[in-house]
Each structure stands twice: as structure tokens, then as C-alpha cells.
């Protein structure tokens, strides 16, 4: 079966997805559908414990409270498992 990947673009709907995620201290299943009708930032980064994009990670972390105050949920996504995030 051939996989088809959609290209993310401003103003275009993100493809639906479901994944295991670290939410607080718990590992939960998260689906984009759970946030339907809400503002969401999908923040992609290469992996935990890397030095690839530390300035971007810090910038998002520093503005996290600002995003929350505007009713925006930030979903940080990498190739790591929830167990690596917890570490």
C-alpha cells in the first residue's frame, strides 16, 4: 500500500491524525479531531535531546502562556515516543 503525504500549507486543513502523547505526566491518545473548532499550533521538531532547533523550542516555550491566554493549544510533535518525552 502506497502512503500519501499531504503538504502543509497556510489556510489548508491539516490532515487528521491520532498518536500516543505525553500530556502532563500521563501517556494518552491524542487526535487532531479532539481540537476541532479550536485554534491549534502544530509545532514540529526533530527530536528530544538534540541541538537541532533549540532557539525555536525555547521561543515556543517562552510564549506558551501567551498562546494559552488566547485559547490556543500547542501540540509539539517529534519522532520520539511519549516515553522519551517523559525522560
PDB file of N, CA and C in Angstrom:
ATOM      1  N   UNK A   1       0.845  -1.185   0.000  1.00  0.00           N
ATOM      2  CA  UNK A   1       0.000   0.000   0.000  1.00  0.00           C
ATOM      3  C   UNK A   1       0.886   1.242   0.000  1.00  0.00           C
ATOM      4  N   UNK A   2       0.620   2.140  -0.892  1.00  0.00           N
ATOM      5  CA  UNK A   2       1.405   3.362  -1.014  1.00  0.00           C
ATOM      6  C   UNK A   2       0.915   4.409  -0.026  1.00  0.00           C
ATOM      7  N   UNK A   3       1.864   5.030   0.707  1.00  0.00           N
ATOM      8  CA  UNK A   3       1.497   6.099   1.630  1.00  0.00           C
ATOM      9  C   UNK A   3       1.420   7.409   0.869  1.00  0.00           C
ATOM     10  N   UNK A   4       0.454   8.237   1.223  1.00  0.00           N
ATOM     11  CA  UNK A   4       0.305   9.540   0.598  1.00  0.00           C
ATOM     12  C   UNK A   4       0.453  10.591   1.680  1.00  0.00           C
ATOM     13  N   UNK A   5       1.360  11.530   1.460  1.00  0.00           N
ATOM     14  CA  UNK A   5       1.595  12.587   2.428  1.00  0.00           C
ATOM     15  C   UNK A   5       1.069  13.899   1.862  1.00  0.00           C
ATOM     16  N   UNK A   6       0.349  14.633   2.671  1.00  0.00           N
ATOM     17  CA  UNK A   6      -0.148  15.936   2.249  1.00  0.00           C
ATOM     18  C   UNK A   6       0.866  17.001   2.634  1.00  0.00           C
ATOM     19  N   UNK A   7       0.961  18.011   1.823  1.00  0.00           N
ATOM     20  CA  UNK A   7       1.869  19.123   2.101  1.00  0.00           C
ATOM     21  C   UNK A   7       1.118  20.159   2.923  1.00  0.00           C
ATOM     22  N   UNK A   8       1.708  20.537   4.062  1.00  0.00           N
ATOM     23  CA  UNK A   8       1.091  21.548   4.919  1.00  0.00           C
ATOM     24  C   UNK A   8       1.209  22.917   4.266  1.00  0.00           C
ATOM     25  N   UNK A   9       0.129  23.660   4.274  1.00  0.00           N
ATOM     26  CA  UNK A   9       0.120  24.999   3.717  1.00  0.00           C
ATOM     27  C   UNK A   9      -0.781  25.879   4.566  1.00  0.00           C
ATOM     28  N   UNK A  10      -0.418  27.156   4.666  1.00  0.00           N
ATOM     29  CA  UNK A  10      -1.243  28.116   5.394  1.00  0.00           C
ATOM     30  C   UNK A  10      -2.613  28.175   4.727  1.00  0.00           C
ATOM     31  N   UNK A  11      -3.656  28.131   5.531  1.00  0.00           N
ATOM     32  CA  UNK A  11      -5.010  28.207   5.033  1.00  0.00           C
ATOM     33  C   UNK A  11      -5.584  26.878   4.579  1.00  0.00           C
ATOM     34  N   UNK A  12      -4.793  25.828   4.682  1.00  0.00           N
ATOM     35  CA  UNK A  12      -5.252  24.491   4.290  1.00  0.00           C
ATOM     36  C   UNK A  12      -5.448  23.654   5.551  1.00  0.00           C
ATOM     37  N   UNK A  13      -6.478  22.840   5.572  1.00  0.00           N
ATOM     38  CA  UNK A  13      -6.727  21.995   6.731  1.00  0.00           C
ATOM     39  C   UNK A  13      -5.612  20.972   6.904  1.00  0.00           C
ATOM     40  N   UNK A  14      -5.233  20.752   8.140  1.00  0.00           N
ATOM     41  CA  UNK A  14      -4.232  19.717   8.435  1.00  0.00           C
ATOM     42  C   UNK A  14      -4.890  18.351   8.314  1.00  0.00           C
ATOM     43  N   UNK A  15      -4.139  17.341   7.880  1.00  0.00           N
ATOM     44  CA  UNK A  15      -4.719  16.001   7.802  1.00  0.00           C
ATOM     45  C   UNK A  15      -5.008  15.454   9.201  1.00  0.00           C
ATOM     46  N   UNK A  16      -6.051  14.664   9.313  1.00  0.00           N
ATOM     47  CA  UNK A  16      -6.382  14.056  10.597  1.00  0.00           C
ATOM     48  C   UNK A  16      -5.266  13.101  11.023  1.00  0.00           C
ATOM     49  N   UNK A  17      -5.011  13.051  12.319  1.00  0.00           N
ATOM     50  CA  UNK A  17      -4.042  12.103  12.841  1.00  0.00           C
ATOM     51  C   UNK A  17      -4.405  11.746  14.263  1.00  0.00           C
ATOM     52  N   UNK A  18      -3.880  10.632  14.722  1.00  0.00           N
ATOM     53  CA  UNK A  18      -4.039  10.158  16.087  1.00  0.00           C
ATOM     54  C   UNK A  18      -2.697   9.588  16.510  1.00  0.00           C
ATOM     55  N   UNK A  19      -2.283   9.891  17.754  1.00  0.00           N
ATOM     56  CA  UNK A  19      -0.978   9.419  18.220  1.00  0.00           C
ATOM     57  C   UNK A  19      -0.968   9.327  19.739  1.00  0.00           C
ATOM     58  N   UNK A  20      -0.052   8.509  20.247  1.00  0.00           N
ATOM     59  CA  UNK A  20       0.200   8.461  21.684  1.00  0.00           C
ATOM     60  C   UNK A  20       1.010   9.700  22.037  1.00  0.00           C
ATOM     61  N   UNK A  21       0.655  10.349  23.136  1.00  0.00           N
ATOM     62  CA  UNK A  21       1.313  11.602  23.506  1.00  0.00           C
ATOM     63  C   UNK A  21       1.490  11.687  25.012  1.00  0.00           C
ATOM     64  N   UNK A  22       2.488  12.431  25.416  1.00  0.00           N
ATOM     65  CA  UNK A  22       2.680  12.735  26.830  1.00  0.00           C
ATOM     66  C   UNK A  22       1.899  14.007  27.117  1.00  0.00           C
ATOM     67  N   UNK A  23       0.873  13.877  27.956  1.00  0.00           N
ATOM     68  CA  UNK A  23       0.035  15.008  28.337  1.00  0.00           C
ATOM     69  C   UNK A  23       0.204  15.179  29.839  1.00  0.00           C
ATOM     70  N   UNK A  24       0.926  16.223  30.233  1.00  0.00           N
ATOM     71  CA  UNK A  24       1.292  16.350  31.643  1.00  0.00           C
ATOM     72  C   UNK A  24       2.249  15.224  31.982  1.00  0.00           C
ATOM     73  N   UNK A  25       1.850  14.354  32.889  1.00  0.00           N
ATOM     74  CA  UNK A  25       2.675  13.198  33.264  1.00  0.00           C
ATOM     75  C   UNK A  25       2.097  11.877  32.770  1.00  0.00           C
ATOM     76  N   UNK A  26       0.975  11.945  32.003  1.00  0.00           N
ATOM     77  CA  UNK A  26       0.302  10.731  31.540  1.00  0.00           C
ATOM     78  C   UNK A  26       0.484  10.540  30.036  1.00  0.00           C
ATOM     79  N   UNK A  27       0.533   9.291  29.612  1.00  0.00           N
ATOM     80  CA  UNK A  27       0.550   8.971  28.192  1.00  0.00           C
ATOM     81  C   UNK A  27      -0.892   8.727  27.767  1.00  0.00           C
ATOM     82  N   UNK A  28      -1.357   9.516  26.789  1.00  0.00           N
ATOM     83  CA  UNK A  28      -2.739   9.457  26.322  1.00  0.00           C
ATOM     84  C   UNK A  28      -2.764   9.420  24.802  1.00  0.00           C
ATOM     85  N   UNK A  29      -3.887   8.985  24.248  1.00  0.00           N
ATOM     86  CA  UNK A  29      -4.093   9.067  22.812  1.00  0.00           C
ATOM     87  C   UNK A  29      -4.661  10.444  22.498  1.00  0.00           C
ATOM     88  N   UNK A  30      -4.039  11.115  21.554  1.00  0.00           N
ATOM     89  CA  UNK A  30      -4.462  12.452  21.140  1.00  0.00           C
ATOM     90  C   UNK A  30      -4.796  12.397  19.656  1.00  0.00           C
ATOM     91  N   UNK A  31      -5.918  12.990  19.277  1.00  0.00           N
ATOM     92  CA  UNK A  31      -6.312  13.062  17.874  1.00  0.00           C
ATOM     93  C   UNK A  31      -6.568  14.518  17.523  1.00  0.00           C
ATOM     94  N   UNK A  32      -6.193  14.909  16.329  1.00  0.00           N
ATOM     95  CA  UNK A  32      -6.436  16.286  15.899  1.00  0.00           C
ATOM     96  C   UNK A  32      -7.921  16.602  15.969  1.00  0.00           C
ATOM     97  N   UNK A  33      -8.748  15.615  15.701  1.00  0.00           N
ATOM     98  CA  UNK A  33     -10.198  15.783  15.753  1.00  0.00           C
ATOM     99  C   UNK A  33     -10.676  16.281  17.125  1.00  0.00           C
ATOM    100  N   UNK A  34      -9.929  15.954  18.192  1.00  0.00           N
ATOM    101  CA  UNK A  34     -10.274  16.398  19.546  1.00  0.00           C
ATOM    102  C   UNK A  34     -10.275  17.920  19.676  1.00  0.00           C
ATOM    103  N   UNK A  35      -9.617  18.591  18.759  1.00  0.00           N
ATOM    104  CA  UNK A  35      -9.450  20.046  18.832  1.00  0.00           C
ATOM    105  C   UNK A  35     -10.246  20.775  17.762  1.00  0.00           C
ATOM    106  N   UNK A  36     -11.176  20.074  17.140  1.00  0.00           N
ATOM    107  CA  UNK A  36     -11.983  20.660  16.067  1.00  0.00           C
ATOM    108  C   UNK A  36     -12.687  21.921  16.571  1.00  0.00           C
ATOM    109  N   UNK A  37     -12.591  22.997  15.793  1.00  0.00           N
ATOM    110  CA  UNK A  37     -13.226  24.264  16.155  1.00  0.00           C
ATOM    111  C   UNK A  37     -12.381  25.127  17.075  1.00  0.00           C
ATOM    112  N   UNK A  38     -11.183  24.665  17.427  1.00  0.00           N
ATOM    113  CA  UNK A  38     -10.288  25.411  18.320  1.00  0.00           C
ATOM    114  C   UNK A  38      -9.021  25.798  17.560  1.00  0.00           C
ATOM    115  N   UNK A  39      -8.327  26.798  18.062  1.00  0.00           N
ATOM    116  CA  UNK A  39      -7.050  27.201  17.487  1.00  0.00           C
ATOM    117  C   UNK A  39      -5.963  26.269  17.997  1.00  0.00           C
ATOM    118  N   UNK A  40      -5.164  25.753  17.082  1.00  0.00           N
ATOM    119  CA  UNK A  40      -4.093  24.816  17.424  1.00  0.00           C
ATOM    120  C   UNK A  40      -2.825  25.191  16.673  1.00  0.00           C
ATOM    121  N   UNK A  41      -1.706  25.167  17.379  1.00  0.00           N
ATOM    122  CA  UNK A  41      -0.392  25.300  16.745  1.00  0.00           C
ATOM    123  C   UNK A  41       0.215  23.901  16.723  1.00  0.00           C
ATOM    124  N   UNK A  42       0.545  23.414  15.528  1.00  0.00           N
ATOM    125  CA  UNK A  42       1.258  22.151  15.392  1.00  0.00           C
ATOM    126  C   UNK A  42       2.733  22.508  15.254  1.00  0.00           C
ATOM    127  N   UNK A  43       3.492  22.232  16.298  1.00  0.00           N
ATOM    128  CA  UNK A  43       4.913  22.590  16.328  1.00  0.00           C
ATOM    129  C   UNK A  43       5.741  21.323  16.150  1.00  0.00           C
ATOM    130  N   UNK A  44       6.384  21.199  15.004  1.00  0.00           N
ATOM    131  CA  UNK A  44       7.190  20.019  14.692  1.00  0.00           C
ATOM    132  C   UNK A  44       8.653  20.295  14.990  1.00  0.00           C
ATOM    133  N   UNK A  45       9.318  19.330  15.622  1.00  0.00           N
ATOM    134  CA  UNK A  45      10.753  19.441  15.866  1.00  0.00           C
ATOM    135  C   UNK A  45      11.376  18.063  15.704  1.00  0.00           C
ATOM    136  N   UNK A  46      12.684  17.993  15.446  1.00  0.00           N
ATOM    137  CA  UNK A  46      13.297  16.719  15.071  1.00  0.00           C
ATOM    138  C   UNK A  46      13.355  15.663  16.171  1.00  0.00           C
ATOM    139  N   UNK A  47      13.638  16.020  17.390  1.00  0.00           N
ATOM    140  CA  UNK A  47      13.720  15.013  18.443  1.00  0.00           C
ATOM    141  C   UNK A  47      14.199  15.591  19.752  1.00  0.00           C
ATOM    142  N   UNK A  48      13.851  14.902  20.836  1.00  0.00           N
ATOM    143  CA  UNK A  48      14.312  15.313  22.157  1.00  0.00           C
ATOM    144  C   UNK A  48      15.816  15.055  22.285  1.00  0.00           C
ATOM    145  N   UNK A  49      16.450  15.816  23.131  1.00  0.00           N
ATOM    146  CA  UNK A  49      17.873  15.665  23.435  1.00  0.00           C
ATOM    147  C   UNK A  49      18.762  15.918  22.218  1.00  0.00           C
ATOM    148  N   UNK A  50      18.276  16.732  21.282  1.00  0.00           N
ATOM    149  CA  UNK A  50      19.099  17.136  20.142  1.00  0.00           C
ATOM    150  C   UNK A  50      19.330  18.637  20.214  1.00  0.00           C
ATOM    151  N   UNK A  51      20.289  19.110  19.472  1.00  0.00           N
ATOM    152  CA  UNK A  51      20.583  20.548  19.444  1.00  0.00           C
ATOM    153  C   UNK A  51      20.243  21.143  18.085  1.00  0.00           C
ATOM    154  N   UNK A  52      19.291  20.522  17.385  1.00  0.00           N
ATOM    155  CA  UNK A  52      18.977  20.964  16.034  1.00  0.00           C
ATOM    156  C   UNK A  52      18.262  22.306  16.022  1.00  0.00           C
ATOM    157  N   UNK A  53      17.240  22.487  16.816  1.00  0.00           N
ATOM    158  CA  UNK A  53      16.458  23.728  16.779  1.00  0.00           C
ATOM    159  C   UNK A  53      16.182  24.290  18.173  1.00  0.00           C
ATOM    160  N   UNK A  54      17.203  24.448  19.015  1.00  0.00           N
ATOM    161  CA  UNK A  54      16.919  24.899  20.384  1.00  0.00           C
ATOM    162  C   UNK A  54      16.303  26.291  20.451  1.00  0.00           C
ATOM    163  N   UNK A  55      16.631  27.174  19.510  1.00  0.00           N
ATOM    164  CA  UNK A  55      16.057  28.524  19.578  1.00  0.00           C
ATOM    165  C   UNK A  55      14.550  28.489  19.335  1.00  0.00           C
ATOM    166  N   UNK A  56      14.097  27.645  18.418  1.00  0.00           N
ATOM    167  CA  UNK A  56      12.665  27.533  18.155  1.00  0.00           C
ATOM    168  C   UNK A  56      11.934  26.897  19.334  1.00  0.00           C
ATOM    169  N   UNK A  57      12.525  25.862  19.916  1.00  0.00           N
ATOM    170  CA  UNK A  57      11.913  25.217  21.081  1.00  0.00           C
ATOM    171  C   UNK A  57      11.770  26.203  22.237  1.00  0.00           C
ATOM    172  N   UNK A  58      12.804  26.966  22.490  1.00  0.00           N
ATOM    173  CA  UNK A  58      12.777  27.948  23.577  1.00  0.00           C
ATOM    174  C   UNK A  58      11.750  29.043  23.275  1.00  0.00           C
ATOM    175  N   UNK A  59      11.690  29.496  22.033  1.00  0.00           N
ATOM    176  CA  UNK A  59      10.748  30.557  21.659  1.00  0.00           C
ATOM    177  C   UNK A  59       9.301  30.126  21.887  1.00  0.00           C
ATOM    178  N   UNK A  60       8.977  28.904  21.515  1.00  0.00           N
ATOM    179  CA  UNK A  60       7.609  28.411  21.732  1.00  0.00           C
ATOM    180  C   UNK A  60       7.347  28.254  23.223  1.00  0.00           C
ATOM    181  N   UNK A  61       8.301  27.704  23.959  1.00  0.00           N
ATOM    182  CA  UNK A  61       8.136  27.527  25.411  1.00  0.00           C
ATOM    183  C   UNK A  61       7.939  28.871  26.112  1.00  0.00           C
ATOM    184  N   UNK A  62       8.687  29.881  25.700  1.00  0.00           N
ATOM    185  CA  UNK A  62       8.568  31.206  26.327  1.00  0.00           C
ATOM    186  C   UNK A  62       7.215  31.847  26.053  1.00  0.00           C
ATOM    187  N   UNK A  63       6.557  31.479  24.977  1.00  0.00           N
ATOM    188  CA  UNK A  63       5.265  32.068  24.620  1.00  0.00           C
ATOM    189  C   UNK A  63       4.086  31.160  24.958  1.00  0.00           C
ATOM    190  N   UNK A  64       4.366  30.041  25.610  1.00  0.00           N
ATOM    191  CA  UNK A  64       3.313  29.064  25.904  1.00  0.00           C
ATOM    192  C   UNK A  64       2.143  29.694  26.669  1.00  0.00           C
ATOM    193  N   UNK A  65       2.431  30.463  27.709  1.00  0.00           N
ATOM    194  CA  UNK A  65       1.356  31.106  28.485  1.00  0.00           C
ATOM    195  C   UNK A  65       0.575  32.099  27.630  1.00  0.00           C
ATOM    196  N   UNK A  66       1.274  32.782  26.733  1.00  0.00           N
ATOM    197  CA  UNK A  66       0.601  33.718  25.823  1.00  0.00           C
ATOM    198  C   UNK A  66      -0.357  32.974  24.894  1.00  0.00           C
ATOM    199  N   UNK A  67       0.099  31.854  24.335  1.00  0.00           N
ATOM    200  CA  UNK A  67      -0.784  31.040  23.499  1.00  0.00           C
ATOM    201  C   UNK A  67      -2.007  30.594  24.289  1.00  0.00           C
ATOM    202  N   UNK A  68      -1.786  30.081  25.493  1.00  0.00           N
ATOM    203  CA  UNK A  68      -2.904  29.599  26.323  1.00  0.00           C
ATOM    204  C   UNK A  68      -3.892  30.715  26.639  1.00  0.00           C
ATOM    205  N   UNK A  69      -3.381  31.925  26.907  1.00  0.00           N
ATOM    206  CA  UNK A  69      -4.266  33.043  27.236  1.00  0.00           C
ATOM    207  C   UNK A  69      -5.150  33.428  26.055  1.00  0.00           C
ATOM    208  N   UNK A  70      -4.733  33.084  24.847  1.00  0.00           N
ATOM    209  CA  UNK A  70      -5.528  33.362  23.643  1.00  0.00           C
ATOM    210  C   UNK A  70      -6.401  32.168  23.258  1.00  0.00           C
ATOM    211  N   UNK A  71      -6.384  31.111  24.087  1.00  0.00           N
ATOM    212  CA  UNK A  71      -7.186  29.938  23.799  1.00  0.00           C
ATOM    213  C   UNK A  71      -6.584  29.023  22.747  1.00  0.00           C
ATOM    214  N   UNK A  72      -5.270  29.097  22.568  1.00  0.00           N
ATOM    215  CA  UNK A  72      -4.576  28.287  21.573  1.00  0.00           C
ATOM    216  C   UNK A  72      -3.911  27.098  22.263  1.00  0.00           C
ATOM    217  N   UNK A  73      -4.082  25.900  21.700  1.00  0.00           N
ATOM    218  CA  UNK A  73      -3.411  24.708  22.187  1.00  0.00           C
ATOM    219  C   UNK A  73      -2.169  24.477  21.346  1.00  0.00           C
ATOM    220  N   UNK A  74      -1.051  24.208  21.998  1.00  0.00           N
ATOM    221  CA  UNK A  74       0.193  23.907  21.292  1.00  0.00           C
ATOM    222  C   UNK A  74       0.427  22.402  21.372  1.00  0.00           C
ATOM    223  N   UNK A  75       0.523  21.767  20.218  1.00  0.00           N
ATOM    224  CA  UNK A  75       0.870  20.352  20.147  1.00  0.00           C
ATOM    225  C   UNK A  75       2.280  20.260  19.580  1.00  0.00           C
ATOM    226  N   UNK A  76       3.223  19.826  20.402  1.00  0.00           N
ATOM    227  CA  UNK A  76       4.610  19.676  19.974  1.00  0.00           C
ATOM    228  C   UNK A  76       4.813  18.249  19.498  1.00  0.00           C
ATOM    229  N   UNK A  77       5.326  18.103  18.282  1.00  0.00           N
ATOM    230  CA  UNK A  77       5.385  16.793  17.643  1.00  0.00           C
ATOM    231  C   UNK A  77       6.809  16.500  17.181  1.00  0.00           C
ATOM    232  N   UNK A  78       7.299  15.315  17.541  1.00  0.00           N
ATOM    233  CA  UNK A  78       8.604  14.858  17.059  1.00  0.00           C
ATOM    234  C   UNK A  78       8.508  13.371  16.749  1.00  0.00           C
ATOM    235  N   UNK A  79       9.613  12.804  16.333  1.00  0.00           N
ATOM    236  CA  UNK A  79       9.634  11.371  16.025  1.00  0.00           C
ATOM    237  C   UNK A  79       9.791  10.514  17.282  1.00  0.00           C
ATOM    238  N   UNK A  80      10.019  11.133  18.426  1.00  0.00           N
ATOM    239  CA  UNK A  80      10.231  10.396  19.673  1.00  0.00           C
ATOM    240  C   UNK A  80       8.940   9.799  20.219  1.00  0.00           C
ATOM    241  N   UNK A  81       9.078   8.758  21.011  1.00  0.00           N
ATOM    242  CA  UNK A  81       7.928   8.152  21.676  1.00  0.00           C
ATOM    243  C   UNK A  81       7.565   8.977  22.913  1.00  0.00           C
ATOM    244  N   UNK A  82       6.355   8.801  23.441  1.00  0.00           N
ATOM    245  CA  UNK A  82       5.973   9.503  24.673  1.00  0.00           C
ATOM    246  C   UNK A  82       6.908   9.153  25.839  1.00  0.00           C
ATOM    247  N   UNK A  83       7.482   7.951  25.834  1.00  0.00           N
ATOM    248  CA  UNK A  83       8.387   7.542  26.904  1.00  0.00           C
ATOM    249  C   UNK A  83       9.686   8.353  26.864  1.00  0.00           C
ATOM    250  N   UNK A  84      10.155   8.680  25.680  1.00  0.00           N
ATOM    251  CA  UNK A  84      11.347   9.528  25.543  1.00  0.00           C
ATOM    252  C   UNK A  84      11.011  10.936  26.021  1.00  0.00           C
ATOM    253  N   UNK A  85       9.834  11.457  25.673  1.00  0.00           N
ATOM    254  CA  UNK A  85       9.442  12.790  26.143  1.00  0.00           C
ATOM    255  C   UNK A  85       9.421  12.840  27.674  1.00  0.00           C
ATOM    256  N   UNK A  86       8.915  11.772  28.282  1.00  0.00           N
ATOM    257  CA  UNK A  86       8.824  11.731  29.745  1.00  0.00           C
ATOM    258  C   UNK A  86      10.205  11.742  30.396  1.00  0.00           C
ATOM    259  N   UNK A  87      11.178  11.098  29.723  1.00  0.00           N
ATOM    260  CA  UNK A  87      12.536  11.068  30.246  1.00  0.00           C
ATOM    261  C   UNK A  87      13.121  12.460  30.271  1.00  0.00           C
TER     262      UNK A  87
END
